[in-house]
N, C-alpha and C. Protein backbone atom coordinates (compact mmCIF):
# COMPACT_ATOMS: atom_id res chain seq x y z
N UNK A 1 156.10 118.38 -26.62
CA UNK A 1 156.17 118.95 -25.28
C UNK A 1 155.22 118.20 -24.35
N UNK A 2 153.97 118.01 -24.85
CA UNK A 2 152.97 117.28 -24.07
C UNK A 2 153.43 115.85 -23.83
N UNK A 3 153.97 115.22 -24.89
CA UNK A 3 154.43 113.83 -24.76
C UNK A 3 155.58 113.73 -23.76
N UNK A 4 156.47 114.73 -23.82
CA UNK A 4 157.59 114.73 -22.91
C UNK A 4 157.12 114.86 -21.47
N UNK A 5 156.13 115.71 -21.22
CA UNK A 5 155.64 115.91 -19.87
C UNK A 5 154.96 114.65 -19.35
N UNK A 6 154.23 113.99 -20.24
CA UNK A 6 153.53 112.78 -19.82
C UNK A 6 154.50 111.65 -19.49
N UNK A 7 155.57 111.59 -20.26
CA UNK A 7 156.53 110.52 -20.08
C UNK A 7 157.47 110.75 -18.90
N UNK A 8 157.64 112.00 -18.52
CA UNK A 8 158.62 112.33 -17.49
C UNK A 8 158.41 111.58 -16.18
N UNK A 9 157.16 111.55 -15.64
CA UNK A 9 157.01 110.83 -14.37
C UNK A 9 157.39 109.36 -14.47
N UNK A 10 157.00 108.72 -15.56
CA UNK A 10 157.32 107.31 -15.72
C UNK A 10 158.83 107.09 -15.82
N UNK A 11 159.51 107.96 -16.53
CA UNK A 11 160.95 107.82 -16.71
C UNK A 11 161.71 108.08 -15.42
N UNK A 12 161.14 108.86 -14.51
CA UNK A 12 161.87 109.21 -13.30
C UNK A 12 161.77 108.13 -12.23
N UNK A 13 160.87 107.15 -12.39
CA UNK A 13 160.73 106.10 -11.39
C UNK A 13 161.91 105.15 -11.51
N UNK A 14 162.65 104.98 -10.42
CA UNK A 14 163.82 104.10 -10.41
C UNK A 14 163.39 102.69 -10.06
N UNK A 15 163.56 101.78 -10.99
CA UNK A 15 163.18 100.40 -10.76
C UNK A 15 164.20 99.71 -9.87
N UNK A 16 163.75 98.99 -8.82
CA UNK A 16 164.71 98.33 -7.93
C UNK A 16 165.46 97.23 -8.66
N UNK A 17 166.72 97.12 -8.38
CA UNK A 17 167.54 96.07 -8.97
C UNK A 17 167.41 94.81 -8.13
N UNK A 18 167.94 93.68 -8.64
CA UNK A 18 167.93 92.44 -7.88
C UNK A 18 168.66 92.61 -6.57
N UNK A 19 169.77 93.40 -6.60
CA UNK A 19 170.54 93.62 -5.38
C UNK A 19 169.73 94.36 -4.34
N UNK A 20 168.92 95.35 -4.78
CA UNK A 20 168.10 96.10 -3.84
C UNK A 20 167.02 95.22 -3.23
N UNK A 21 166.40 94.37 -4.08
CA UNK A 21 165.39 93.46 -3.55
C UNK A 21 166.00 92.50 -2.54
N UNK A 22 167.20 92.03 -2.81
CA UNK A 22 167.89 91.14 -1.90
C UNK A 22 168.16 91.85 -0.58
N UNK A 23 168.56 93.10 -0.66
CA UNK A 23 168.84 93.84 0.57
C UNK A 23 167.58 94.00 1.41
N UNK A 24 166.45 94.23 0.78
CA UNK A 24 165.19 94.34 1.52
C UNK A 24 164.84 93.01 2.17
N UNK A 25 165.06 91.91 1.47
CA UNK A 25 164.79 90.60 2.05
C UNK A 25 165.72 90.33 3.23
N UNK A 26 166.98 90.73 3.08
CA UNK A 26 167.93 90.56 4.17
C UNK A 26 167.52 91.39 5.38
N UNK A 27 167.09 92.62 5.14
CA UNK A 27 166.66 93.48 6.24
C UNK A 27 165.46 92.89 6.97
N UNK A 28 164.52 92.32 6.19
CA UNK A 28 163.35 91.70 6.81
C UNK A 28 163.76 90.49 7.64
N UNK A 29 164.73 89.75 7.15
CA UNK A 29 165.21 88.58 7.89
C UNK A 29 165.87 89.00 9.20
N UNK A 30 166.63 90.08 9.15
CA UNK A 30 167.28 90.59 10.36
C UNK A 30 166.22 91.02 11.38
N UNK A 31 165.17 91.69 10.91
CA UNK A 31 164.10 92.12 11.81
C UNK A 31 163.38 90.92 12.43
N UNK A 32 163.12 89.91 11.61
CA UNK A 32 162.47 88.71 12.12
C UNK A 32 163.33 88.02 13.16
N UNK A 33 164.61 87.90 12.87
CA UNK A 33 165.53 87.26 13.80
C UNK A 33 165.58 88.01 15.13
N UNK A 34 165.59 89.34 15.06
CA UNK A 34 165.64 90.13 16.30
C UNK A 34 164.36 89.99 17.10
N UNK A 35 163.21 89.89 16.43
CA UNK A 35 161.95 89.69 17.14
C UNK A 35 161.96 88.37 17.88
N UNK A 36 162.51 87.33 17.24
CA UNK A 36 162.62 86.03 17.89
C UNK A 36 163.55 86.13 19.10
N UNK A 37 164.69 86.79 18.92
CA UNK A 37 165.64 86.96 20.02
C UNK A 37 165.01 87.71 21.19
N UNK A 38 164.28 88.77 20.91
CA UNK A 38 163.65 89.57 21.97
C UNK A 38 162.64 88.72 22.74
N UNK A 39 161.83 87.96 22.00
CA UNK A 39 160.83 87.11 22.66
C UNK A 39 161.50 86.01 23.48
N UNK A 40 162.57 85.44 22.94
CA UNK A 40 163.29 84.38 23.65
C UNK A 40 163.95 84.92 24.91
N UNK A 41 164.56 86.09 24.80
CA UNK A 41 165.21 86.70 25.98
C UNK A 41 164.18 86.95 27.08
N UNK A 42 163.02 87.46 26.71
CA UNK A 42 161.97 87.72 27.70
C UNK A 42 161.52 86.43 28.37
N UNK A 43 161.35 85.38 27.59
CA UNK A 43 160.86 84.12 28.13
C UNK A 43 161.92 83.42 28.97
N UNK A 44 163.17 83.41 28.49
CA UNK A 44 164.25 82.82 29.28
C UNK A 44 164.43 83.59 30.59
N UNK A 45 164.27 84.90 30.54
CA UNK A 45 164.42 85.72 31.73
C UNK A 45 163.30 85.47 32.73
N UNK A 46 162.13 85.12 32.23
CA UNK A 46 160.98 84.88 33.09
C UNK A 46 160.94 83.45 33.63
N UNK A 47 161.31 82.47 32.77
CA UNK A 47 161.11 81.06 33.14
C UNK A 47 162.39 80.26 33.30
N UNK A 48 163.49 80.73 32.72
CA UNK A 48 164.67 79.90 32.64
C UNK A 48 164.68 79.13 31.34
N UNK A 49 165.57 78.14 31.24
CA UNK A 49 165.76 77.45 29.96
C UNK A 49 164.70 76.38 29.68
N UNK A 50 164.60 75.40 30.55
CA UNK A 50 163.74 74.24 30.25
C UNK A 50 162.27 74.59 30.06
N UNK A 51 161.66 75.41 30.91
CA UNK A 51 160.23 75.69 30.72
C UNK A 51 159.91 76.57 29.53
N UNK A 52 160.90 77.21 28.95
CA UNK A 52 160.67 78.08 27.79
C UNK A 52 160.65 77.22 26.53
N UNK A 53 159.50 77.14 25.88
CA UNK A 53 159.37 76.29 24.69
C UNK A 53 159.45 77.13 23.42
N UNK A 54 159.82 76.49 22.33
CA UNK A 54 159.86 77.17 21.04
C UNK A 54 158.47 77.68 20.67
N UNK A 55 157.45 76.90 20.99
CA UNK A 55 156.07 77.32 20.69
C UNK A 55 155.74 78.64 21.39
N UNK A 56 156.11 78.73 22.68
CA UNK A 56 155.81 79.96 23.42
C UNK A 56 156.68 81.12 22.95
N UNK A 57 157.91 80.83 22.57
CA UNK A 57 158.78 81.88 22.03
C UNK A 57 158.20 82.42 20.72
N UNK A 58 157.74 81.51 19.86
CA UNK A 58 157.12 81.92 18.60
C UNK A 58 155.88 82.77 18.86
N UNK A 59 155.08 82.35 19.83
CA UNK A 59 153.87 83.11 20.17
C UNK A 59 154.24 84.50 20.66
N UNK A 60 155.27 84.58 21.50
CA UNK A 60 155.70 85.88 22.00
C UNK A 60 156.21 86.79 20.90
N UNK A 61 156.79 86.20 19.86
CA UNK A 61 157.30 86.98 18.73
C UNK A 61 156.22 87.29 17.71
N UNK A 62 155.04 86.66 17.88
CA UNK A 62 153.95 86.89 16.94
C UNK A 62 154.16 86.21 15.61
N UNK A 63 154.76 85.02 15.64
CA UNK A 63 155.01 84.29 14.38
C UNK A 63 154.90 82.80 14.63
N UNK A 64 155.08 82.03 13.57
CA UNK A 64 154.95 80.58 13.66
C UNK A 64 156.24 79.95 14.15
N UNK A 65 156.12 78.70 14.62
CA UNK A 65 157.35 77.98 15.02
C UNK A 65 158.25 77.78 13.81
N UNK A 66 157.65 77.65 12.65
CA UNK A 66 158.45 77.51 11.43
C UNK A 66 159.35 78.70 11.19
N UNK A 67 158.84 79.88 11.49
CA UNK A 67 159.66 81.10 11.33
C UNK A 67 160.82 81.10 12.30
N UNK A 68 160.61 80.56 13.51
CA UNK A 68 161.69 80.47 14.48
C UNK A 68 162.76 79.52 13.97
N UNK A 69 162.34 78.35 13.48
CA UNK A 69 163.30 77.36 13.00
C UNK A 69 163.97 77.79 11.69
N UNK A 70 163.39 78.74 11.00
CA UNK A 70 164.03 79.29 9.80
C UNK A 70 165.24 80.14 10.16
N UNK A 71 165.28 80.60 11.42
CA UNK A 71 166.37 81.46 11.87
C UNK A 71 167.33 80.77 12.83
N UNK A 72 166.83 79.75 13.54
CA UNK A 72 167.65 79.05 14.53
C UNK A 72 167.40 77.55 14.42
N UNK A 73 168.47 76.78 14.51
CA UNK A 73 168.37 75.34 14.34
C UNK A 73 167.54 74.70 15.44
N UNK A 74 167.72 75.15 16.68
CA UNK A 74 167.00 74.58 17.81
C UNK A 74 167.04 75.56 18.98
N UNK A 75 166.45 75.15 20.10
CA UNK A 75 166.40 76.05 21.26
C UNK A 75 167.79 76.33 21.81
N UNK A 76 168.68 75.35 21.74
CA UNK A 76 170.03 75.55 22.25
C UNK A 76 170.75 76.66 21.48
N UNK A 77 170.60 76.66 20.16
CA UNK A 77 171.23 77.70 19.36
C UNK A 77 170.60 79.06 19.65
N UNK A 78 169.30 79.09 19.86
CA UNK A 78 168.61 80.33 20.19
C UNK A 78 169.08 80.86 21.55
N UNK A 79 169.22 79.96 22.50
CA UNK A 79 169.70 80.37 23.83
C UNK A 79 171.11 80.93 23.74
N UNK A 80 171.94 80.32 22.91
CA UNK A 80 173.31 80.79 22.75
C UNK A 80 173.33 82.20 22.18
N UNK A 81 172.43 82.48 21.25
CA UNK A 81 172.35 83.82 20.66
C UNK A 81 171.89 84.84 21.71
N UNK A 82 170.94 84.44 22.56
CA UNK A 82 170.49 85.31 23.64
C UNK A 82 171.64 85.56 24.61
N UNK A 83 172.40 84.51 24.92
CA UNK A 83 173.55 84.64 25.82
C UNK A 83 174.57 85.63 25.26
N UNK A 84 174.87 85.51 23.98
CA UNK A 84 175.85 86.41 23.36
C UNK A 84 175.40 87.86 23.47
N UNK A 85 174.14 88.11 23.19
CA UNK A 85 173.60 89.46 23.26
C UNK A 85 173.60 89.97 24.71
N UNK A 86 173.21 89.09 25.62
CA UNK A 86 173.16 89.46 27.05
C UNK A 86 174.55 89.82 27.56
N UNK A 87 175.56 89.02 27.23
CA UNK A 87 176.89 89.28 27.72
C UNK A 87 177.50 90.52 27.08
N UNK A 88 177.12 90.82 25.87
CA UNK A 88 177.60 92.05 25.23
C UNK A 88 177.08 93.27 25.99
N UNK A 89 175.79 93.26 26.34
CA UNK A 89 175.23 94.37 27.11
C UNK A 89 175.84 94.45 28.51
N UNK A 90 176.04 93.28 29.14
CA UNK A 90 176.65 93.26 30.46
C UNK A 90 178.05 93.85 30.42
N UNK A 91 178.82 93.53 29.41
CA UNK A 91 180.17 94.07 29.28
C UNK A 91 180.15 95.59 29.21
N UNK A 92 179.20 96.14 28.45
CA UNK A 92 179.09 97.60 28.34
C UNK A 92 178.79 98.23 29.69
N UNK A 93 177.90 97.60 30.45
CA UNK A 93 177.53 98.12 31.77
C UNK A 93 178.72 98.09 32.72
N UNK A 94 179.39 96.94 32.76
CA UNK A 94 180.54 96.78 33.66
C UNK A 94 181.67 97.72 33.26
N UNK A 95 181.93 97.85 31.98
CA UNK A 95 183.00 98.73 31.53
C UNK A 95 182.72 100.18 31.90
N UNK A 96 181.48 100.60 31.73
CA UNK A 96 181.13 101.98 32.08
C UNK A 96 181.32 102.26 33.56
N UNK A 97 180.90 101.32 34.40
CA UNK A 97 181.03 101.52 35.85
C UNK A 97 182.48 101.44 36.32
N UNK A 98 183.29 100.66 35.63
CA UNK A 98 184.70 100.52 36.01
C UNK A 98 185.54 101.72 35.60
N UNK A 99 184.99 102.57 34.76
CA UNK A 99 185.77 103.69 34.22
C UNK A 99 185.94 104.82 35.23
N UNK A 100 185.26 104.75 36.34
CA UNK A 100 185.36 105.82 37.32
C UNK A 100 186.69 105.82 38.06
N UNK A 101 186.85 106.79 38.94
CA UNK A 101 188.07 106.88 39.74
C UNK A 101 187.92 106.06 41.01
N UNK A 102 189.03 105.86 41.69
CA UNK A 102 189.01 105.12 42.95
C UNK A 102 190.07 104.04 42.96
N UNK A 103 190.13 103.34 44.06
CA UNK A 103 191.10 102.25 44.20
C UNK A 103 190.68 101.06 43.35
N UNK A 104 191.58 100.11 43.24
CA UNK A 104 191.26 98.87 42.52
C UNK A 104 190.02 98.23 43.12
N UNK A 105 189.99 98.12 44.42
CA UNK A 105 188.86 97.52 45.12
C UNK A 105 187.57 98.28 44.83
N UNK A 106 187.62 99.61 44.91
CA UNK A 106 186.43 100.43 44.70
C UNK A 106 185.92 100.31 43.27
N UNK A 107 186.82 100.28 42.30
CA UNK A 107 186.41 100.18 40.90
C UNK A 107 185.81 98.80 40.60
N UNK A 108 186.38 97.76 41.18
CA UNK A 108 185.82 96.42 40.98
C UNK A 108 184.43 96.31 41.60
N UNK A 109 184.28 96.85 42.80
CA UNK A 109 182.97 96.80 43.45
C UNK A 109 181.94 97.57 42.62
N UNK A 110 182.32 98.76 42.16
CA UNK A 110 181.39 99.58 41.37
C UNK A 110 180.99 98.84 40.09
N UNK A 111 181.97 98.25 39.41
CA UNK A 111 181.70 97.57 38.14
C UNK A 111 180.81 96.35 38.34
N UNK A 112 181.13 95.54 39.32
CA UNK A 112 180.41 94.28 39.50
C UNK A 112 179.06 94.49 40.18
N UNK A 113 178.95 95.52 41.01
CA UNK A 113 177.64 95.89 41.55
C UNK A 113 176.71 96.33 40.41
N UNK A 114 177.25 97.09 39.47
CA UNK A 114 176.45 97.49 38.30
C UNK A 114 176.02 96.25 37.51
N UNK A 115 176.89 95.24 37.47
CA UNK A 115 176.53 94.00 36.80
C UNK A 115 175.37 93.30 37.48
N UNK A 116 175.38 93.28 38.81
CA UNK A 116 174.25 92.71 39.54
C UNK A 116 172.97 93.49 39.26
N UNK A 117 173.08 94.81 39.28
CA UNK A 117 171.91 95.66 39.02
C UNK A 117 171.33 95.37 37.64
N UNK A 118 172.20 95.14 36.67
CA UNK A 118 171.76 94.92 35.29
C UNK A 118 171.12 93.55 35.10
N UNK A 119 171.55 92.56 35.87
CA UNK A 119 171.14 91.18 35.60
C UNK A 119 170.16 90.60 36.61
N UNK A 120 170.03 91.19 37.79
CA UNK A 120 169.26 90.54 38.84
C UNK A 120 167.79 90.39 38.48
N UNK A 121 167.25 91.30 37.68
CA UNK A 121 165.86 91.18 37.27
C UNK A 121 165.68 90.04 36.26
N UNK A 122 166.78 89.51 35.76
CA UNK A 122 166.74 88.37 34.84
C UNK A 122 167.33 87.13 35.51
N UNK A 123 167.01 86.95 36.79
CA UNK A 123 167.63 85.87 37.56
C UNK A 123 167.44 84.49 36.92
N UNK A 124 166.24 84.12 36.43
CA UNK A 124 166.11 82.79 35.79
C UNK A 124 167.05 82.62 34.60
N UNK A 125 167.31 83.71 33.87
CA UNK A 125 168.25 83.63 32.76
C UNK A 125 169.66 83.36 33.27
N UNK A 126 170.06 84.05 34.33
CA UNK A 126 171.39 83.82 34.89
C UNK A 126 171.52 82.41 35.45
N UNK A 127 170.46 81.90 36.07
CA UNK A 127 170.49 80.53 36.54
C UNK A 127 170.68 79.57 35.38
N UNK A 128 169.98 79.83 34.29
CA UNK A 128 170.09 78.96 33.12
C UNK A 128 171.49 79.01 32.53
N UNK A 129 172.10 80.19 32.50
CA UNK A 129 173.45 80.34 31.97
C UNK A 129 174.44 79.51 32.79
N UNK A 130 174.33 79.61 34.12
CA UNK A 130 175.24 78.86 34.98
C UNK A 130 174.98 77.37 34.88
N UNK A 131 173.70 76.97 34.92
CA UNK A 131 173.36 75.55 34.88
C UNK A 131 173.79 74.90 33.57
N UNK A 132 173.55 75.57 32.47
CA UNK A 132 173.87 74.97 31.16
C UNK A 132 175.37 74.90 30.92
N UNK A 133 176.14 75.71 31.65
CA UNK A 133 177.59 75.64 31.47
C UNK A 133 178.15 74.29 31.91
N UNK A 134 177.39 73.55 32.71
CA UNK A 134 177.82 72.22 33.14
C UNK A 134 177.35 71.12 32.20
N UNK A 135 176.38 71.41 31.35
CA UNK A 135 175.76 70.37 30.53
C UNK A 135 175.61 70.84 29.09
N UNK A 136 176.73 71.00 28.40
CA UNK A 136 176.68 71.38 27.00
C UNK A 136 177.91 70.82 26.29
N UNK A 137 177.82 70.64 24.97
CA UNK A 137 178.96 70.10 24.23
C UNK A 137 180.19 70.99 24.35
N UNK A 138 181.35 70.40 24.09
CA UNK A 138 182.61 71.12 24.24
C UNK A 138 182.66 72.37 23.37
N UNK A 139 182.20 72.26 22.12
CA UNK A 139 182.27 73.43 21.24
C UNK A 139 181.35 74.55 21.73
N UNK A 140 180.19 74.19 22.28
CA UNK A 140 179.29 75.20 22.84
C UNK A 140 179.91 75.86 24.06
N UNK A 141 180.61 75.08 24.87
CA UNK A 141 181.28 75.62 26.05
C UNK A 141 182.37 76.61 25.64
N UNK A 142 183.11 76.28 24.59
CA UNK A 142 184.16 77.19 24.13
C UNK A 142 183.57 78.50 23.63
N UNK A 143 182.45 78.42 22.92
CA UNK A 143 181.80 79.65 22.46
C UNK A 143 181.28 80.45 23.65
N UNK A 144 180.70 79.77 24.63
CA UNK A 144 180.19 80.47 25.81
C UNK A 144 181.30 81.19 26.55
N UNK A 145 182.47 80.56 26.63
CA UNK A 145 183.60 81.21 27.28
C UNK A 145 184.00 82.47 26.51
N UNK A 146 183.86 82.41 25.21
CA UNK A 146 184.18 83.58 24.40
C UNK A 146 183.27 84.76 24.73
N UNK A 147 182.02 84.47 25.08
CA UNK A 147 181.08 85.54 25.39
C UNK A 147 181.43 86.25 26.69
N UNK A 148 182.16 85.57 27.59
CA UNK A 148 182.52 86.18 28.88
C UNK A 148 183.81 86.97 28.81
N UNK A 149 184.50 86.91 27.69
CA UNK A 149 185.81 87.56 27.60
C UNK A 149 185.74 89.06 27.81
N UNK A 150 184.63 89.68 27.41
CA UNK A 150 184.52 91.12 27.57
C UNK A 150 184.55 91.54 29.03
N UNK A 151 183.73 90.86 29.86
CA UNK A 151 183.70 91.19 31.28
C UNK A 151 185.04 90.87 31.93
N UNK A 152 185.61 89.72 31.58
CA UNK A 152 186.91 89.34 32.14
C UNK A 152 187.99 90.35 31.74
N UNK A 153 187.89 90.89 30.53
CA UNK A 153 188.87 91.89 30.08
C UNK A 153 188.77 93.16 30.93
N UNK A 154 187.54 93.57 31.27
CA UNK A 154 187.37 94.75 32.11
C UNK A 154 187.97 94.51 33.49
N UNK A 155 187.67 93.36 34.09
CA UNK A 155 188.23 93.03 35.41
C UNK A 155 189.76 93.01 35.33
N UNK A 156 190.29 92.39 34.29
CA UNK A 156 191.74 92.31 34.13
C UNK A 156 192.39 93.67 34.00
N UNK A 157 191.74 94.57 33.29
CA UNK A 157 192.31 95.91 33.10
C UNK A 157 192.34 96.67 34.42
N UNK A 158 191.30 96.53 35.23
CA UNK A 158 191.30 97.20 36.54
C UNK A 158 192.42 96.65 37.41
N UNK A 159 192.61 95.34 37.37
CA UNK A 159 193.68 94.72 38.16
C UNK A 159 195.06 95.17 37.67
N UNK A 160 195.24 95.24 36.36
CA UNK A 160 196.53 95.69 35.82
C UNK A 160 196.79 97.15 36.16
N UNK A 161 195.73 97.96 36.20
CA UNK A 161 195.88 99.34 36.66
C UNK A 161 196.38 99.35 38.11
N UNK A 162 195.86 98.41 38.90
CA UNK A 162 196.30 98.30 40.29
C UNK A 162 197.77 97.97 40.41
N UNK A 163 198.27 97.16 39.49
CA UNK A 163 199.70 96.85 39.47
C UNK A 163 200.49 98.10 39.05
N UNK A 164 200.01 98.78 38.02
CA UNK A 164 200.73 99.94 37.51
C UNK A 164 200.80 101.08 38.53
N UNK A 165 199.73 101.25 39.31
CA UNK A 165 199.75 102.36 40.27
C UNK A 165 200.29 101.96 41.64
N UNK A 166 200.78 100.73 41.75
CA UNK A 166 201.44 100.31 42.97
C UNK A 166 200.54 99.75 44.06
N UNK A 167 199.23 99.61 43.79
CA UNK A 167 198.33 99.03 44.79
C UNK A 167 198.53 97.52 44.92
N UNK A 168 198.86 96.88 43.80
CA UNK A 168 199.07 95.44 43.78
C UNK A 168 200.52 95.14 43.45
N UNK A 169 200.99 94.01 43.93
CA UNK A 169 202.38 93.61 43.70
C UNK A 169 202.69 93.52 42.20
N UNK A 170 203.91 93.87 41.86
CA UNK A 170 204.33 93.84 40.46
C UNK A 170 204.25 92.43 39.86
N UNK A 171 204.41 91.41 40.69
CA UNK A 171 204.36 90.04 40.18
C UNK A 171 202.99 89.39 40.39
N UNK A 172 201.98 90.21 40.67
CA UNK A 172 200.63 89.68 40.88
C UNK A 172 200.14 89.00 39.60
N UNK A 173 199.54 87.83 39.74
CA UNK A 173 198.98 87.08 38.61
C UNK A 173 197.58 87.63 38.35
N UNK A 174 197.50 88.65 37.51
CA UNK A 174 196.22 89.33 37.30
C UNK A 174 195.21 88.43 36.58
N UNK A 175 195.71 87.50 35.78
CA UNK A 175 194.77 86.60 35.11
C UNK A 175 194.10 85.67 36.12
N UNK A 176 194.88 85.11 37.03
CA UNK A 176 194.32 84.25 38.07
C UNK A 176 193.39 85.04 38.98
N UNK A 177 193.82 86.22 39.38
CA UNK A 177 192.97 87.06 40.22
C UNK A 177 191.66 87.38 39.52
N UNK A 178 191.74 87.66 38.22
CA UNK A 178 190.53 87.97 37.46
C UNK A 178 189.56 86.81 37.43
N UNK A 179 190.08 85.60 37.22
CA UNK A 179 189.24 84.41 37.23
C UNK A 179 188.58 84.23 38.59
N UNK A 180 189.33 84.48 39.66
CA UNK A 180 188.78 84.33 41.01
C UNK A 180 187.68 85.37 41.27
N UNK A 181 187.89 86.59 40.81
CA UNK A 181 186.89 87.64 40.98
C UNK A 181 185.61 87.27 40.21
N UNK A 182 185.77 86.82 38.97
CA UNK A 182 184.63 86.42 38.13
C UNK A 182 183.84 85.28 38.78
N UNK A 183 184.55 84.27 39.26
CA UNK A 183 183.89 83.12 39.88
C UNK A 183 183.17 83.52 41.17
N UNK A 184 183.76 84.44 41.91
CA UNK A 184 183.10 84.93 43.13
C UNK A 184 181.82 85.68 42.76
N UNK A 185 181.90 86.51 41.74
CA UNK A 185 180.73 87.27 41.29
C UNK A 185 179.59 86.32 40.90
N UNK A 186 179.91 85.31 40.12
CA UNK A 186 178.89 84.35 39.69
C UNK A 186 178.30 83.57 40.87
N UNK A 187 179.14 83.22 41.83
CA UNK A 187 178.70 82.36 42.93
C UNK A 187 177.56 82.98 43.73
N UNK A 188 177.46 84.29 43.74
CA UNK A 188 176.47 84.95 44.58
C UNK A 188 175.06 84.89 44.00
N UNK A 189 174.94 84.47 42.75
CA UNK A 189 173.60 84.26 42.20
C UNK A 189 172.90 83.08 42.89
N UNK A 190 173.67 82.19 43.44
CA UNK A 190 173.07 81.09 44.20
C UNK A 190 172.34 81.62 45.43
N UNK A 191 172.96 82.61 46.10
CA UNK A 191 172.30 83.24 47.23
C UNK A 191 171.03 83.96 46.82
N UNK A 192 171.07 84.59 45.65
CA UNK A 192 169.87 85.28 45.14
C UNK A 192 168.77 84.29 44.81
N UNK A 193 169.15 83.15 44.24
CA UNK A 193 168.16 82.17 43.80
C UNK A 193 167.55 81.41 44.96
N UNK A 194 168.36 81.06 45.97
CA UNK A 194 167.89 80.16 47.01
C UNK A 194 167.72 80.79 48.39
N UNK A 195 168.37 81.93 48.60
CA UNK A 195 168.29 82.57 49.92
C UNK A 195 167.65 83.95 49.87
N UNK A 196 167.17 84.33 48.72
CA UNK A 196 166.47 85.60 48.61
C UNK A 196 167.34 86.83 48.70
N UNK A 197 168.63 86.70 48.39
CA UNK A 197 169.51 87.87 48.45
C UNK A 197 169.08 88.92 47.45
N UNK A 198 169.11 90.17 47.87
CA UNK A 198 168.92 91.27 46.94
C UNK A 198 170.28 91.78 46.48
N UNK A 199 170.26 92.85 45.73
CA UNK A 199 171.52 93.39 45.18
C UNK A 199 172.48 93.78 46.28
N UNK A 200 171.98 94.41 47.34
CA UNK A 200 172.87 94.84 48.42
C UNK A 200 173.53 93.65 49.11
N UNK A 201 172.77 92.58 49.31
CA UNK A 201 173.33 91.39 49.95
C UNK A 201 174.39 90.75 49.06
N UNK A 202 174.13 90.72 47.76
CA UNK A 202 175.09 90.13 46.82
C UNK A 202 176.38 90.95 46.78
N UNK A 203 176.23 92.27 46.72
CA UNK A 203 177.42 93.14 46.67
C UNK A 203 178.17 93.11 47.99
N UNK A 204 177.45 93.01 49.09
CA UNK A 204 178.12 92.89 50.39
C UNK A 204 178.96 91.64 50.47
N UNK A 205 178.40 90.53 50.01
CA UNK A 205 179.17 89.28 49.99
C UNK A 205 180.36 89.38 49.04
N UNK A 206 180.14 89.98 47.89
CA UNK A 206 181.22 90.14 46.92
C UNK A 206 182.34 91.00 47.49
N UNK A 207 181.99 92.04 48.23
CA UNK A 207 183.01 92.92 48.83
C UNK A 207 183.90 92.12 49.77
N UNK A 208 183.30 91.26 50.58
CA UNK A 208 184.09 90.43 51.49
C UNK A 208 184.96 89.44 50.71
N UNK A 209 184.42 88.91 49.64
CA UNK A 209 185.20 88.00 48.80
C UNK A 209 186.39 88.72 48.16
N UNK A 210 186.15 89.93 47.68
CA UNK A 210 187.23 90.71 47.06
C UNK A 210 188.33 91.02 48.07
N UNK A 211 187.95 91.32 49.29
CA UNK A 211 188.97 91.62 50.31
C UNK A 211 189.90 90.43 50.52
N UNK A 212 189.34 89.23 50.49
CA UNK A 212 190.16 88.03 50.64
C UNK A 212 191.01 87.80 49.39
N UNK A 213 190.40 87.95 48.22
CA UNK A 213 191.11 87.69 46.96
C UNK A 213 192.28 88.65 46.77
N UNK A 214 192.04 89.92 47.07
CA UNK A 214 193.07 90.94 46.82
C UNK A 214 194.13 91.00 47.91
N UNK A 215 193.83 90.46 49.10
CA UNK A 215 194.76 90.61 50.23
C UNK A 215 196.14 90.08 49.92
N UNK A 216 196.23 88.93 49.27
CA UNK A 216 197.53 88.32 49.01
C UNK A 216 198.37 89.08 48.01
N UNK A 217 197.71 89.88 47.15
CA UNK A 217 198.43 90.62 46.11
C UNK A 217 198.63 92.10 46.47
N UNK A 218 198.04 92.53 47.55
CA UNK A 218 198.10 93.95 47.91
C UNK A 218 199.49 94.34 48.43
N UNK A 219 199.89 95.54 48.10
CA UNK A 219 201.15 96.08 48.63
C UNK A 219 200.95 96.69 50.01
N UNK A 220 199.68 96.87 50.39
CA UNK A 220 199.37 97.45 51.69
C UNK A 220 199.10 96.31 52.68
N UNK A 221 200.08 95.89 53.40
CA UNK A 221 199.94 94.79 54.33
C UNK A 221 199.55 95.29 55.71
N UNK A 222 198.76 94.48 56.43
CA UNK A 222 198.41 94.80 57.80
C UNK A 222 197.25 95.75 57.90
């Protein structure tokens, strides 16, 4: 009885298997990777792409540059990962704002104004995203385009709703209109960067751009 009682605690301890140890290592790697991403996002948002160094990103994450390179091949790959995460969050914001009621024009303004609100405090990051889109390898450009599909899908759905409810012509090219709306939205970051536009100025300009873009497809003439 005594021997059984003494042995019981030892027998009840579950020894971790190799699979469990691997899972803990994987979890630690995920945490390390996220710390690097968080530090990189903060630095890119503050400085833009070129002035943000791997050394400073590592310092911000509280780890060595070696730990950064263990998770990312180079700064370009790290920036791409930050871009993917940023665009995922932006898509959620835009989708939520577009879900409200109103006309096609009103829903687009609400959605894209929310996008400005979400991103304007990270203006150097947005500048870097636009600038690097002109100077990156073809495969990186294709991946970057993939990251924008979520926002473009939201814009496209609002436009297709406009066709379905009779606000826009049945033969309206919603894909072309969506590209034009997206490009107009992006173009206003130049005003924010160089002319000091705030969110209201950006949305005001976007509203005027939308009126021109939608005019040709609207069923309400005059």
